Amino acid sequence: MSETIAIVCHQANKALCEAFGDMSHVDWRDAPQWQRDSVIKGVKFRIENPDAPPSANHDSWLEEKRRTGWSYGDVKDAAAKTHPCFVAYDQLPPEQKAKDHVFKAIVAALK
């Protein structure tokens, strides 16, 4: 069940990114395993913490990235493990915050 919800979340996130001009995301079937695992982990977090604010998903994601060696970078680079969203939730631009709201709504609707 978590993987099915993760696929929907991933594809919705891809669509949101494309709407904001970021064409760097690939379909679920082409996503690397580490990225799929990250989305599944986000879904499980949301299922276990349904009343947590949208910022909690970002905080959980940020902690996972920190643990696996990622850091801030102007561009997302999986090889260098850098990401422009490697900042506190309140420092994210509105379109990035919107992704956490959509993620929360999808998990709530499909769990």
PDB file of N, CA and C in Angstrom:
ATOM      1  N   MET A   1       0.820  -1.192   0.000  1.00  0.00           N
ATOM      2  CA  MET A   1       0.000   0.000   0.000  1.00  0.00           C
ATOM      3  C   MET A   1       0.863   1.256   0.000  1.00  0.00           C
ATOM      4  N   SER A   2       1.919   1.269   0.834  1.00  0.00           N
ATOM      5  CA  SER A   2       2.783   2.453   0.904  1.00  0.00           C
ATOM      6  C   SER A   2       3.425   2.758  -0.445  1.00  0.00           C
ATOM      7  N   GLU A   3       3.825   1.715  -1.178  1.00  0.00           N
ATOM      8  CA  GLU A   3       4.460   1.969  -2.469  1.00  0.00           C
ATOM      9  C   GLU A   3       3.463   2.550  -3.474  1.00  0.00           C
ATOM     10  N   THR A   4       2.226   2.077  -3.464  1.00  0.00           N
ATOM     11  CA  THR A   4       1.213   2.614  -4.367  1.00  0.00           C
ATOM     12  C   THR A   4       0.984   4.100  -4.092  1.00  0.00           C
ATOM     13  N   ILE A   5       0.872   4.453  -2.819  1.00  0.00           N
ATOM     14  CA  ILE A   5       0.691   5.857  -2.442  1.00  0.00           C
ATOM     15  C   ILE A   5       1.943   6.650  -2.824  1.00  0.00           C
ATOM     16  N   ALA A   6       3.109   6.058  -2.635  1.00  0.00           N
ATOM     17  CA  ALA A   6       4.362   6.730  -2.973  1.00  0.00           C
ATOM     18  C   ALA A   6       4.432   7.057  -4.465  1.00  0.00           C
ATOM     19  N   ILE A   7       3.953   6.152  -5.292  1.00  0.00           N
ATOM     20  CA  ILE A   7       3.951   6.398  -6.741  1.00  0.00           C
ATOM     21  C   ILE A   7       3.103   7.624  -7.052  1.00  0.00           C
ATOM     22  N   VAL A   8       1.915   7.702  -6.473  1.00  0.00           N
ATOM     23  CA  VAL A   8       1.034   8.847  -6.704  1.00  0.00           C
ATOM     24  C   VAL A   8       1.702  10.130  -6.206  1.00  0.00           C
ATOM     25  N   CYS A   9       2.284  10.083  -5.008  1.00  0.00           N
ATOM     26  CA  CYS A   9       2.966  11.255  -4.452  1.00  0.00           C
ATOM     27  C   CYS A   9       4.121  11.695  -5.349  1.00  0.00           C
ATOM     28  N   HIS A  10       4.908  10.738  -5.802  1.00  0.00           N
ATOM     29  CA  HIS A  10       6.053  11.048  -6.655  1.00  0.00           C
ATOM     30  C   HIS A  10       5.598  11.708  -7.957  1.00  0.00           C
ATOM     31  N   GLN A  11       4.586  11.130  -8.588  1.00  0.00           N
ATOM     32  CA  GLN A  11       4.111  11.671  -9.862  1.00  0.00           C
ATOM     33  C   GLN A  11       3.477  13.055  -9.677  1.00  0.00           C
ATOM     34  N   ALA A  12       2.770  13.251  -8.569  1.00  0.00           N
ATOM     35  CA  ALA A  12       2.194  14.570  -8.287  1.00  0.00           C
ATOM     36  C   ALA A  12       3.308  15.589  -8.046  1.00  0.00           C
ATOM     37  N   ASN A  13       4.339  15.183  -7.317  1.00  0.00           N
ATOM     38  CA  ASN A  13       5.475  16.061  -7.069  1.00  0.00           C
ATOM     39  C   ASN A  13       6.163  16.433  -8.383  1.00  0.00           C
ATOM     40  N   LYS A  14       6.325  15.449  -9.252  1.00  0.00           N
ATOM     41  CA  LYS A  14       6.921  15.695 -10.571  1.00  0.00           C
ATOM     42  C   LYS A  14       6.094  16.716 -11.343  1.00  0.00           C
ATOM     43  N   ALA A  15       4.778  16.547 -11.317  1.00  0.00           N
ATOM     44  CA  ALA A  15       3.892  17.469 -12.028  1.00  0.00           C
ATOM     45  C   ALA A  15       3.969  18.884 -11.446  1.00  0.00           C
ATOM     46  N   LEU A  16       3.999  18.991 -10.122  1.00  0.00           N
ATOM     47  CA  LEU A  16       4.136  20.307  -9.492  1.00  0.00           C
ATOM     48  C   LEU A  16       5.460  20.957  -9.883  1.00  0.00           C
ATOM     49  N   CYS A  17       6.526  20.194  -9.833  1.00  0.00           N
ATOM     50  CA  CYS A  17       7.833  20.738 -10.209  1.00  0.00           C
ATOM     51  C   CYS A  17       7.815  21.237 -11.650  1.00  0.00           C
ATOM     52  N   GLU A  18       7.221  20.459 -12.535  1.00  0.00           N
ATOM     53  CA  GLU A  18       7.135  20.871 -13.940  1.00  0.00           C
ATOM     54  C   GLU A  18       6.298  22.134 -14.093  1.00  0.00           C
ATOM     55  N   ALA A  19       5.231  22.257 -13.309  1.00  0.00           N
ATOM     56  CA  ALA A  19       4.400  23.471 -13.359  1.00  0.00           C
ATOM     57  C   ALA A  19       5.190  24.698 -12.934  1.00  0.00           C
ATOM     58  N   PHE A  20       6.193  24.491 -12.077  1.00  0.00           N
ATOM     59  CA  PHE A  20       7.035  25.589 -11.607  1.00  0.00           C
ATOM     60  C   PHE A  20       8.294  25.757 -12.453  1.00  0.00           C
ATOM     61  N   GLY A  21       8.388  24.985 -13.552  1.00  0.00           N
ATOM     62  CA  GLY A  21       9.511  25.137 -14.469  1.00  0.00           C
ATOM     63  C   GLY A  21      10.688  24.210 -14.229  1.00  0.00           C
ATOM     64  N   ASP A  22      10.585  23.307 -13.265  1.00  0.00           N
ATOM     65  CA  ASP A  22      11.658  22.360 -12.969  1.00  0.00           C
ATOM     66  C   ASP A  22      11.367  21.058 -13.702  1.00  0.00           C
ATOM     67  N   MET A  23      12.110  20.814 -14.747  1.00  0.00           N
ATOM     68  CA  MET A  23      11.879  19.628 -15.574  1.00  0.00           C
ATOM     69  C   MET A  23      12.866  18.498 -15.258  1.00  0.00           C
ATOM     70  N   SER A  24      13.484  18.545 -14.084  1.00  0.00           N
ATOM     71  CA  SER A  24      14.538  17.593 -13.757  1.00  0.00           C
ATOM     72  C   SER A  24      14.046  16.264 -13.187  1.00  0.00           C
ATOM     73  N   HIS A  25      12.771  16.156 -12.895  1.00  0.00           N
ATOM     74  CA  HIS A  25      12.259  14.944 -12.255  1.00  0.00           C
ATOM     75  C   HIS A  25      11.852  13.903 -13.296  1.00  0.00           C
ATOM     76  N   VAL A  26      12.096  12.654 -12.958  1.00  0.00           N
ATOM     77  CA  VAL A  26      11.753  11.543 -13.855  1.00  0.00           C
ATOM     78  C   VAL A  26      10.538  10.803 -13.300  1.00  0.00           C
ATOM     79  N   ASP A  27       9.891  10.037 -14.154  1.00  0.00           N
ATOM     80  CA  ASP A  27       8.780   9.197 -13.718  1.00  0.00           C
ATOM     81  C   ASP A  27       9.248   8.190 -12.681  1.00  0.00           C
ATOM     82  N   TRP A  28       8.307   7.702 -11.895  1.00  0.00           N
ATOM     83  CA  TRP A  28       8.598   6.722 -10.843  1.00  0.00           C
ATOM     84  C   TRP A  28       9.395   5.549 -11.394  1.00  0.00           C
ATOM     85  N   ARG A  29       8.963   5.008 -12.530  1.00  0.00           N
ATOM     86  CA  ARG A  29       9.615   3.807 -13.073  1.00  0.00           C
ATOM     87  C   ARG A  29      11.069   4.062 -13.455  1.00  0.00           C
ATOM     88  N   ASP A  30      11.442   5.318 -13.660  1.00  0.00           N
ATOM     89  CA  ASP A  30      12.816   5.663 -14.022  1.00  0.00           C
ATOM     90  C   ASP A  30      13.613   6.239 -12.850  1.00  0.00           C
ATOM     91  N   ALA A  31      12.960   6.413 -11.711  1.00  0.00           N
ATOM     92  CA  ALA A  31      13.623   7.011 -10.547  1.00  0.00           C
ATOM     93  C   ALA A  31      14.603   6.025  -9.927  1.00  0.00           C
ATOM     94  N   PRO A  32      15.736   6.524  -9.457  1.00  0.00           N
ATOM     95  CA  PRO A  32      16.680   5.634  -8.778  1.00  0.00           C
ATOM     96  C   PRO A  32      16.076   5.087  -7.487  1.00  0.00           C
ATOM     97  N   GLN A  33      16.563   3.950  -7.047  1.00  0.00           N
ATOM     98  CA  GLN A  33      15.993   3.291  -5.871  1.00  0.00           C
ATOM     99  C   GLN A  33      16.060   4.168  -4.626  1.00  0.00           C
ATOM    100  N   TRP A  34      17.155   4.930  -4.444  1.00  0.00           N
ATOM    101  CA  TRP A  34      17.261   5.778  -3.253  1.00  0.00           C
ATOM    102  C   TRP A  34      16.126   6.808  -3.217  1.00  0.00           C
ATOM    103  N   GLN A  35      15.720   7.283  -4.399  1.00  0.00           N
ATOM    104  CA  GLN A  35      14.643   8.269  -4.463  1.00  0.00           C
ATOM    105  C   GLN A  35      13.298   7.609  -4.167  1.00  0.00           C
ATOM    106  N   ARG A  36      13.069   6.444  -4.703  1.00  0.00           N
ATOM    107  CA  ARG A  36      11.846   5.706  -4.410  1.00  0.00           C
ATOM    108  C   ARG A  36      11.746   5.410  -2.914  1.00  0.00           C
ATOM    109  N   ASP A  37      12.857   4.943  -2.340  1.00  0.00           N
ATOM    110  CA  ASP A  37      12.883   4.636  -0.904  1.00  0.00           C
ATOM    111  C   ASP A  37      12.558   5.876  -0.071  1.00  0.00           C
ATOM    112  N   SER A  38      13.051   7.020  -0.496  1.00  0.00           N
ATOM    113  CA  SER A  38      12.800   8.265   0.231  1.00  0.00           C
ATOM    114  C   SER A  38      11.311   8.622   0.219  1.00  0.00           C
ATOM    115  N   VAL A  39      10.671   8.451  -0.929  1.00  0.00           N
ATOM    116  CA  VAL A  39       9.236   8.760  -1.020  1.00  0.00           C
ATOM    117  C   VAL A  39       8.422   7.770  -0.182  1.00  0.00           C
ATOM    118  N   ILE A  40       8.771   6.501  -0.248  1.00  0.00           N
ATOM    119  CA  ILE A  40       8.078   5.485   0.558  1.00  0.00           C
ATOM    120  C   ILE A  40       8.232   5.813   2.038  1.00  0.00           C
ATOM    121  N   LYS A  41       9.418   6.204   2.437  1.00  0.00           N
ATOM    122  CA  LYS A  41       9.663   6.579   3.826  1.00  0.00           C
ATOM    123  C   LYS A  41       8.790   7.780   4.210  1.00  0.00           C
ATOM    124  N   GLY A  42       8.655   8.741   3.309  1.00  0.00           N
ATOM    125  CA  GLY A  42       7.796   9.901   3.559  1.00  0.00           C
ATOM    126  C   GLY A  42       6.338   9.502   3.728  1.00  0.00           C
ATOM    127  N   VAL A  43       5.880   8.561   2.931  1.00  0.00           N
ATOM    128  CA  VAL A  43       4.506   8.064   3.036  1.00  0.00           C
ATOM    129  C   VAL A  43       4.301   7.384   4.387  1.00  0.00           C
ATOM    130  N   LYS A  44       5.235   6.530   4.758  1.00  0.00           N
ATOM    131  CA  LYS A  44       5.122   5.837   6.051  1.00  0.00           C
ATOM    132  C   LYS A  44       5.121   6.835   7.200  1.00  0.00           C
ATOM    133  N   PHE A  45       5.966   7.858   7.114  1.00  0.00           N
ATOM    134  CA  PHE A  45       5.989   8.898   8.149  1.00  0.00           C
ATOM    135  C   PHE A  45       4.619   9.565   8.255  1.00  0.00           C
ATOM    136  N   ARG A  46       4.044   9.895   7.108  1.00  0.00           N
ATOM    137  CA  ARG A  46       2.760  10.597   7.089  1.00  0.00           C
ATOM    138  C   ARG A  46       1.652   9.697   7.630  1.00  0.00           C
ATOM    139  N   ILE A  47       1.660   8.415   7.299  1.00  0.00           N
ATOM    140  CA  ILE A  47       0.648   7.484   7.811  1.00  0.00           C
ATOM    141  C   ILE A  47       0.754   7.367   9.328  1.00  0.00           C
ATOM    142  N   GLU A  48       1.981   7.303   9.826  1.00  0.00           N
ATOM    143  CA  GLU A  48       2.204   7.180  11.272  1.00  0.00           C
ATOM    144  C   GLU A  48       1.967   8.492  12.024  1.00  0.00           C
ATOM    145  N   ASN A  49       1.987   9.613  11.320  1.00  0.00           N
ATOM    146  CA  ASN A  49       1.843  10.940  11.931  1.00  0.00           C
ATOM    147  C   ASN A  49       0.823  11.774  11.156  1.00  0.00           C
ATOM    148  N   PRO A  50      -0.431  11.313  11.092  1.00  0.00           N
ATOM    149  CA  PRO A  50      -1.412  11.980  10.235  1.00  0.00           C
ATOM    150  C   PRO A  50      -1.735  13.421  10.636  1.00  0.00           C
ATOM    151  N   ASP A  51      -1.549  13.766  11.888  1.00  0.00           N
ATOM    152  CA  ASP A  51      -1.878  15.115  12.338  1.00  0.00           C
ATOM    153  C   ASP A  51      -0.685  16.060  12.333  1.00  0.00           C
ATOM    154  N   ALA A  52       0.473  15.568  11.942  1.00  0.00           N
ATOM    155  CA  ALA A  52       1.654  16.433  11.891  1.00  0.00           C
ATOM    156  C   ALA A  52       1.473  17.482  10.790  1.00  0.00           C
ATOM    157  N   PRO A  53       2.000  18.682  11.003  1.00  0.00           N
ATOM    158  CA  PRO A  53       1.875  19.715   9.970  1.00  0.00           C
ATOM    159  C   PRO A  53       2.693  19.349   8.733  1.00  0.00           C
ATOM    160  N   PRO A  54       2.408  19.952   7.589  1.00  0.00           N
ATOM    161  CA  PRO A  54       3.178  19.659   6.374  1.00  0.00           C
ATOM    162  C   PRO A  54       4.682  19.850   6.562  1.00  0.00           C
ATOM    163  N   SER A  55       5.059  20.770   7.422  1.00  0.00           N
ATOM    164  CA  SER A  55       6.489  21.005   7.656  1.00  0.00           C
ATOM    165  C   SER A  55       7.180  19.772   8.227  1.00  0.00           C
ATOM    166  N   ALA A  56       6.442  18.911   8.909  1.00  0.00           N
ATOM    167  CA  ALA A  56       7.040  17.717   9.513  1.00  0.00           C
ATOM    168  C   ALA A  56       7.582  16.773   8.447  1.00  0.00           C
ATOM    169  N   ASN A  57       6.928  16.698   7.289  1.00  0.00           N
ATOM    170  CA  ASN A  57       7.454  15.862   6.211  1.00  0.00           C
ATOM    171  C   ASN A  57       8.801  16.398   5.739  1.00  0.00           C
ATOM    172  N   HIS A  58       8.887  17.706   5.601  1.00  0.00           N
ATOM    173  CA  HIS A  58      10.159  18.295   5.179  1.00  0.00           C
ATOM    174  C   HIS A  58      11.234  18.037   6.227  1.00  0.00           C
ATOM    175  N   ASP A  59      10.882  18.220   7.494  1.00  0.00           N
ATOM    176  CA  ASP A  59      11.853  17.993   8.571  1.00  0.00           C
ATOM    177  C   ASP A  59      12.355  16.555   8.565  1.00  0.00           C
ATOM    178  N   SER A  60      11.452  15.603   8.340  1.00  0.00           N
ATOM    179  CA  SER A  60      11.828  14.195   8.278  1.00  0.00           C
ATOM    180  C   SER A  60      12.738  13.938   7.072  1.00  0.00           C
ATOM    181  N   TRP A  61      12.376  14.512   5.926  1.00  0.00           N
ATOM    182  CA  TRP A  61      13.180  14.392   4.703  1.00  0.00           C
ATOM    183  C   TRP A  61      14.569  14.984   4.920  1.00  0.00           C
ATOM    184  N   LEU A  62      14.602  16.157   5.543  1.00  0.00           N
ATOM    185  CA  LEU A  62      15.865  16.846   5.783  1.00  0.00           C
ATOM    186  C   LEU A  62      16.782  16.019   6.684  1.00  0.00           C
ATOM    187  N   GLU A  63      16.208  15.416   7.721  1.00  0.00           N
ATOM    188  CA  GLU A  63      16.999  14.590   8.622  1.00  0.00           C
ATOM    189  C   GLU A  63      17.546  13.362   7.900  1.00  0.00           C
ATOM    190  N   GLU A  64      16.723  12.748   7.049  1.00  0.00           N
ATOM    191  CA  GLU A  64      17.192  11.588   6.283  1.00  0.00           C
ATOM    192  C   GLU A  64      18.341  11.997   5.362  1.00  0.00           C
ATOM    193  N   LYS A  65      18.193  13.129   4.689  1.00  0.00           N
ATOM    194  CA  LYS A  65      19.250  13.613   3.798  1.00  0.00           C
ATOM    195  C   LYS A  65      20.532  13.882   4.585  1.00  0.00           C
ATOM    196  N   ARG A  66      20.394  14.511   5.735  1.00  0.00           N
ATOM    197  CA  ARG A  66      21.559  14.818   6.576  1.00  0.00           C
ATOM    198  C   ARG A  66      22.289  13.525   6.969  1.00  0.00           C
ATOM    199  N   ARG A  67      21.500  12.527   7.380  1.00  0.00           N
ATOM    200  CA  ARG A  67      22.063  11.235   7.798  1.00  0.00           C
ATOM    201  C   ARG A  67      22.800  10.530   6.667  1.00  0.00           C
ATOM    202  N   THR A  68      22.361  10.739   5.439  1.00  0.00           N
ATOM    203  CA  THR A  68      22.962  10.041   4.302  1.00  0.00           C
ATOM    204  C   THR A  68      23.995  10.894   3.564  1.00  0.00           C
ATOM    205  N   GLY A  69      24.408  11.997   4.182  1.00  0.00           N
ATOM    206  CA  GLY A  69      25.530  12.758   3.645  1.00  0.00           C
ATOM    207  C   GLY A  69      25.214  13.899   2.705  1.00  0.00           C
ATOM    208  N   TRP A  70      23.957  14.272   2.569  1.00  0.00           N
ATOM    209  CA  TRP A  70      23.587  15.379   1.696  1.00  0.00           C
ATOM    210  C   TRP A  70      23.857  16.712   2.386  1.00  0.00           C
ATOM    211  N   SER A  71      23.946  17.767   1.581  1.00  0.00           N
ATOM    212  CA  SER A  71      24.121  19.122   2.098  1.00  0.00           C
ATOM    213  C   SER A  71      23.472  20.110   1.128  1.00  0.00           C
ATOM    214  N   TYR A  72      23.490  21.372   1.522  1.00  0.00           N
ATOM    215  CA  TYR A  72      22.905  22.406   0.666  1.00  0.00           C
ATOM    216  C   TYR A  72      23.750  22.593  -0.588  1.00  0.00           C
ATOM    217  N   GLY A  73      23.062  22.826  -1.703  1.00  0.00           N
ATOM    218  CA  GLY A  73      23.711  23.184  -2.960  1.00  0.00           C
ATOM    219  C   GLY A  73      22.721  23.951  -3.808  1.00  0.00           C
ATOM    220  N   ASP A  74      23.196  24.815  -4.657  1.00  0.00           N
ATOM    221  CA  ASP A  74      22.312  25.632  -5.493  1.00  0.00           C
ATOM    222  C   ASP A  74      21.462  24.802  -6.452  1.00  0.00           C
ATOM    223  N   VAL A  75      21.971  23.624  -6.803  1.00  0.00           N
ATOM    224  CA  VAL A  75      21.226  22.727  -7.684  1.00  0.00           C
ATOM    225  C   VAL A  75      21.207  21.325  -7.080  1.00  0.00           C
ATOM    226  N   LYS A  76      20.163  20.575  -7.406  1.00  0.00           N
ATOM    227  CA  LYS A  76      20.089  19.183  -6.962  1.00  0.00           C
ATOM    228  C   LYS A  76      21.083  18.374  -7.779  1.00  0.00           C
ATOM    229  N   ASP A  77      21.963  17.683  -7.074  1.00  0.00           N
ATOM    230  CA  ASP A  77      22.984  16.872  -7.717  1.00  0.00           C
ATOM    231  C   ASP A  77      23.142  15.606  -6.885  1.00  0.00           C
ATOM    232  N   ALA A  78      22.577  14.511  -7.358  1.00  0.00           N
ATOM    233  CA  ALA A  78      22.602  13.262  -6.599  1.00  0.00           C
ATOM    234  C   ALA A  78      24.020  12.740  -6.410  1.00  0.00           C
ATOM    235  N   ALA A  79      24.881  12.917  -7.387  1.00  0.00           N
ATOM    236  CA  ALA A  79      26.250  12.434  -7.271  1.00  0.00           C
ATOM    237  C   ALA A  79      27.018  13.200  -6.192  1.00  0.00           C
ATOM    238  N   ALA A  80      26.810  14.516  -6.136  1.00  0.00           N
ATOM    239  CA  ALA A  80      27.478  15.348  -5.136  1.00  0.00           C
ATOM    240  C   ALA A  80      26.696  15.401  -3.820  1.00  0.00           C
ATOM    241  N   LYS A  81      25.475  14.857  -3.849  1.00  0.00           N
ATOM    242  CA  LYS A  81      24.578  14.870  -2.691  1.00  0.00           C
ATOM    243  C   LYS A  81      24.318  16.296  -2.196  1.00  0.00           C
ATOM    244  N   THR A  82      23.935  17.164  -3.147  1.00  0.00           N
ATOM    245  CA  THR A  82      23.548  18.527  -2.798  1.00  0.00           C
ATOM    246  C   THR A  82      22.114  18.769  -3.255  1.00  0.00           C
ATOM    247  N   HIS A  83      21.443  19.659  -2.528  1.00  0.00           N
ATOM    248  CA  HIS A  83      20.039  19.937  -2.834  1.00  0.00           C
ATOM    249  C   HIS A  83      19.690  21.351  -2.377  1.00  0.00           C
ATOM    250  N   PRO A  84      19.000  22.128  -3.207  1.00  0.00           N
ATOM    251  CA  PRO A  84      18.636  23.496  -2.819  1.00  0.00           C
ATOM    252  C   PRO A  84      17.562  23.566  -1.724  1.00  0.00           C
ATOM    253  N   CYS A  85      16.875  22.467  -1.466  1.00  0.00           N
ATOM    254  CA  CYS A  85      15.853  22.451  -0.405  1.00  0.00           C
ATOM    255  C   CYS A  85      16.426  21.971   0.929  1.00  0.00           C
ATOM    256  N   PHE A  86      17.730  21.854   1.006  1.00  0.00           N
ATOM    257  CA  PHE A  86      18.383  21.439   2.247  1.00  0.00           C
ATOM    258  C   PHE A  86      18.492  22.655   3.181  1.00  0.00           C
ATOM    259  N   VAL A  87      17.315  23.161   3.565  1.00  0.00           N
ATOM    260  CA  VAL A  87      17.185  24.326   4.449  1.00  0.00           C
ATOM    261  C   VAL A  87      15.991  24.074   5.365  1.00  0.00           C
ATOM    262  N   ALA A  88      15.865  24.897   6.400  1.00  0.00           N
ATOM    263  CA  ALA A  88      14.703  24.808   7.285  1.00  0.00           C
ATOM    264  C   ALA A  88      13.430  25.089   6.490  1.00  0.00           C
ATOM    265  N   TYR A  89      12.334  24.480   6.919  1.00  0.00           N
ATOM    266  CA  TYR A  89      11.056  24.614   6.217  1.00  0.00           C
ATOM    267  C   TYR A  89      10.674  26.072   5.995  1.00  0.00           C
ATOM    268  N   ASP A  90      10.864  26.909   7.010  1.00  0.00           N
ATOM    269  CA  ASP A  90      10.443  28.312   6.881  1.00  0.00           C
ATOM    270  C   ASP A  90      11.294  29.087   5.881  1.00  0.00           C
ATOM    271  N   GLN A  91      12.391  28.516   5.412  1.00  0.00           N
ATOM    272  CA  GLN A  91      13.238  29.160   4.409  1.00  0.00           C
ATOM    273  C   GLN A  91      12.920  28.692   2.981  1.00  0.00           C
ATOM    274  N   LEU A  92      12.010  27.736   2.862  1.00  0.00           N
ATOM    275  CA  LEU A  92      11.631  27.244   1.539  1.00  0.00           C
ATOM    276  C   LEU A  92      10.740  28.255   0.834  1.00  0.00           C
ATOM    277  N   PRO A  93      10.850  28.353  -0.491  1.00  0.00           N
ATOM    278  CA  PRO A  93       9.910  29.190  -1.245  1.00  0.00           C
ATOM    279  C   PRO A  93       8.519  28.544  -1.220  1.00  0.00           C
ATOM    280  N   PRO A  94       7.474  29.347  -1.431  1.00  0.00           N
ATOM    281  CA  PRO A  94       6.095  28.830  -1.355  1.00  0.00           C
ATOM    282  C   PRO A  94       5.834  27.603  -2.223  1.00  0.00           C
ATOM    283  N   GLU A  95       6.410  27.549  -3.417  1.00  0.00           N
ATOM    284  CA  GLU A  95       6.135  26.400  -4.286  1.00  0.00           C
ATOM    285  C   GLU A  95       6.721  25.111  -3.712  1.00  0.00           C
ATOM    286  N   GLN A  96       7.807  25.214  -2.972  1.00  0.00           N
ATOM    287  CA  GLN A  96       8.370  24.024  -2.328  1.00  0.00           C
ATOM    288  C   GLN A  96       7.515  23.593  -1.138  1.00  0.00           C
ATOM    289  N   LYS A  97       7.001  24.564  -0.392  1.00  0.00           N
ATOM    290  CA  LYS A  97       6.104  24.253   0.724  1.00  0.00           C
ATOM    291  C   LYS A  97       4.824  23.597   0.207  1.00  0.00           C
ATOM    292  N   ALA A  98       4.363  24.043  -0.953  1.00  0.00           N
ATOM    293  CA  ALA A  98       3.132  23.494  -1.536  1.00  0.00           C
ATOM    294  C   ALA A  98       3.255  21.992  -1.752  1.00  0.00           C
ATOM    295  N   LYS A  99       4.450  21.528  -2.103  1.00  0.00           N
ATOM    296  CA  LYS A  99       4.649  20.091  -2.337  1.00  0.00           C
ATOM    297  C   LYS A  99       4.367  19.281  -1.074  1.00  0.00           C
ATOM    298  N   ASP A 100       4.729  19.820   0.089  1.00  0.00           N
ATOM    299  CA  ASP A 100       4.466  19.108   1.341  1.00  0.00           C
ATOM    300  C   ASP A 100       2.974  19.067   1.664  1.00  0.00           C
ATOM    301  N   HIS A 101       2.259  20.121   1.311  1.00  0.00           N
ATOM    302  CA  HIS A 101       0.802  20.146   1.521  1.00  0.00           C
ATOM    303  C   HIS A 101       0.116  19.124   0.616  1.00  0.00           C
ATOM    304  N   VAL A 102       0.540  19.059  -0.628  1.00  0.00           N
ATOM    305  CA  VAL A 102      -0.038  18.105  -1.579  1.00  0.00           C
ATOM    306  C   VAL A 102       0.286  16.674  -1.149  1.00  0.00           C
ATOM    307  N   PHE A 103       1.517  16.436  -0.730  1.00  0.00           N
ATOM    308  CA  PHE A 103       1.938  15.112  -0.261  1.00  0.00           C
ATOM    309  C   PHE A 103       1.044  14.660   0.887  1.00  0.00           C
ATOM    310  N   LYS A 104       0.837  15.544   1.863  1.00  0.00           N
ATOM    311  CA  LYS A 104      -0.004  15.223   3.023  1.00  0.00           C
ATOM    312  C   LYS A 104      -1.430  14.890   2.579  1.00  0.00           C
ATOM    313  N   ALA A 105      -1.967  15.671   1.665  1.00  0.00           N
ATOM    314  CA  ALA A 105      -3.353  15.447   1.202  1.00  0.00           C
ATOM    315  C   ALA A 105      -3.477  14.127   0.448  1.00  0.00           C
ATOM    316  N   ILE A 106      -2.509  13.794  -0.365  1.00  0.00           N
ATOM    317  CA  ILE A 106      -2.572  12.531  -1.121  1.00  0.00           C
ATOM    318  C   ILE A 106      -2.536  11.341  -0.176  1.00  0.00           C
ATOM    319  N   VAL A 107      -1.617  11.365   0.784  1.00  0.00           N
ATOM    320  CA  VAL A 107      -1.518  10.244   1.713  1.00  0.00           C
ATOM    321  C   VAL A 107      -2.817  10.121   2.514  1.00  0.00           C
ATOM    322  N   ALA A 108      -3.357  11.235   2.981  1.00  0.00           N
ATOM    323  CA  ALA A 108      -4.604  11.195   3.745  1.00  0.00           C
ATOM    324  C   ALA A 108      -5.755  10.612   2.915  1.00  0.00           C
ATOM    325  N   ALA A 109      -5.795  10.929   1.632  1.00  0.00           N
ATOM    326  CA  ALA A 109      -6.871  10.448   0.775  1.00  0.00           C
ATOM    327  C   ALA A 109      -6.743   8.973   0.414  1.00  0.00           C
ATOM    328  N   LEU A 110      -5.512   8.476   0.335  1.00  0.00           N
ATOM    329  CA  LEU A 110      -5.296   7.116  -0.167  1.00  0.00           C
ATOM    330  C   LEU A 110      -4.962   6.069   0.878  1.00  0.00           C
ATOM    331  N   LYS A 111      -4.706   6.460   2.107  1.00  0.00           N
ATOM    332  CA  LYS A 111      -4.283   5.461   3.100  1.00  0.00           C
ATOM    333  C   LYS A 111      -5.415   4.536   3.494  1.00  0.00           C
TER     334      LYS A 111
END
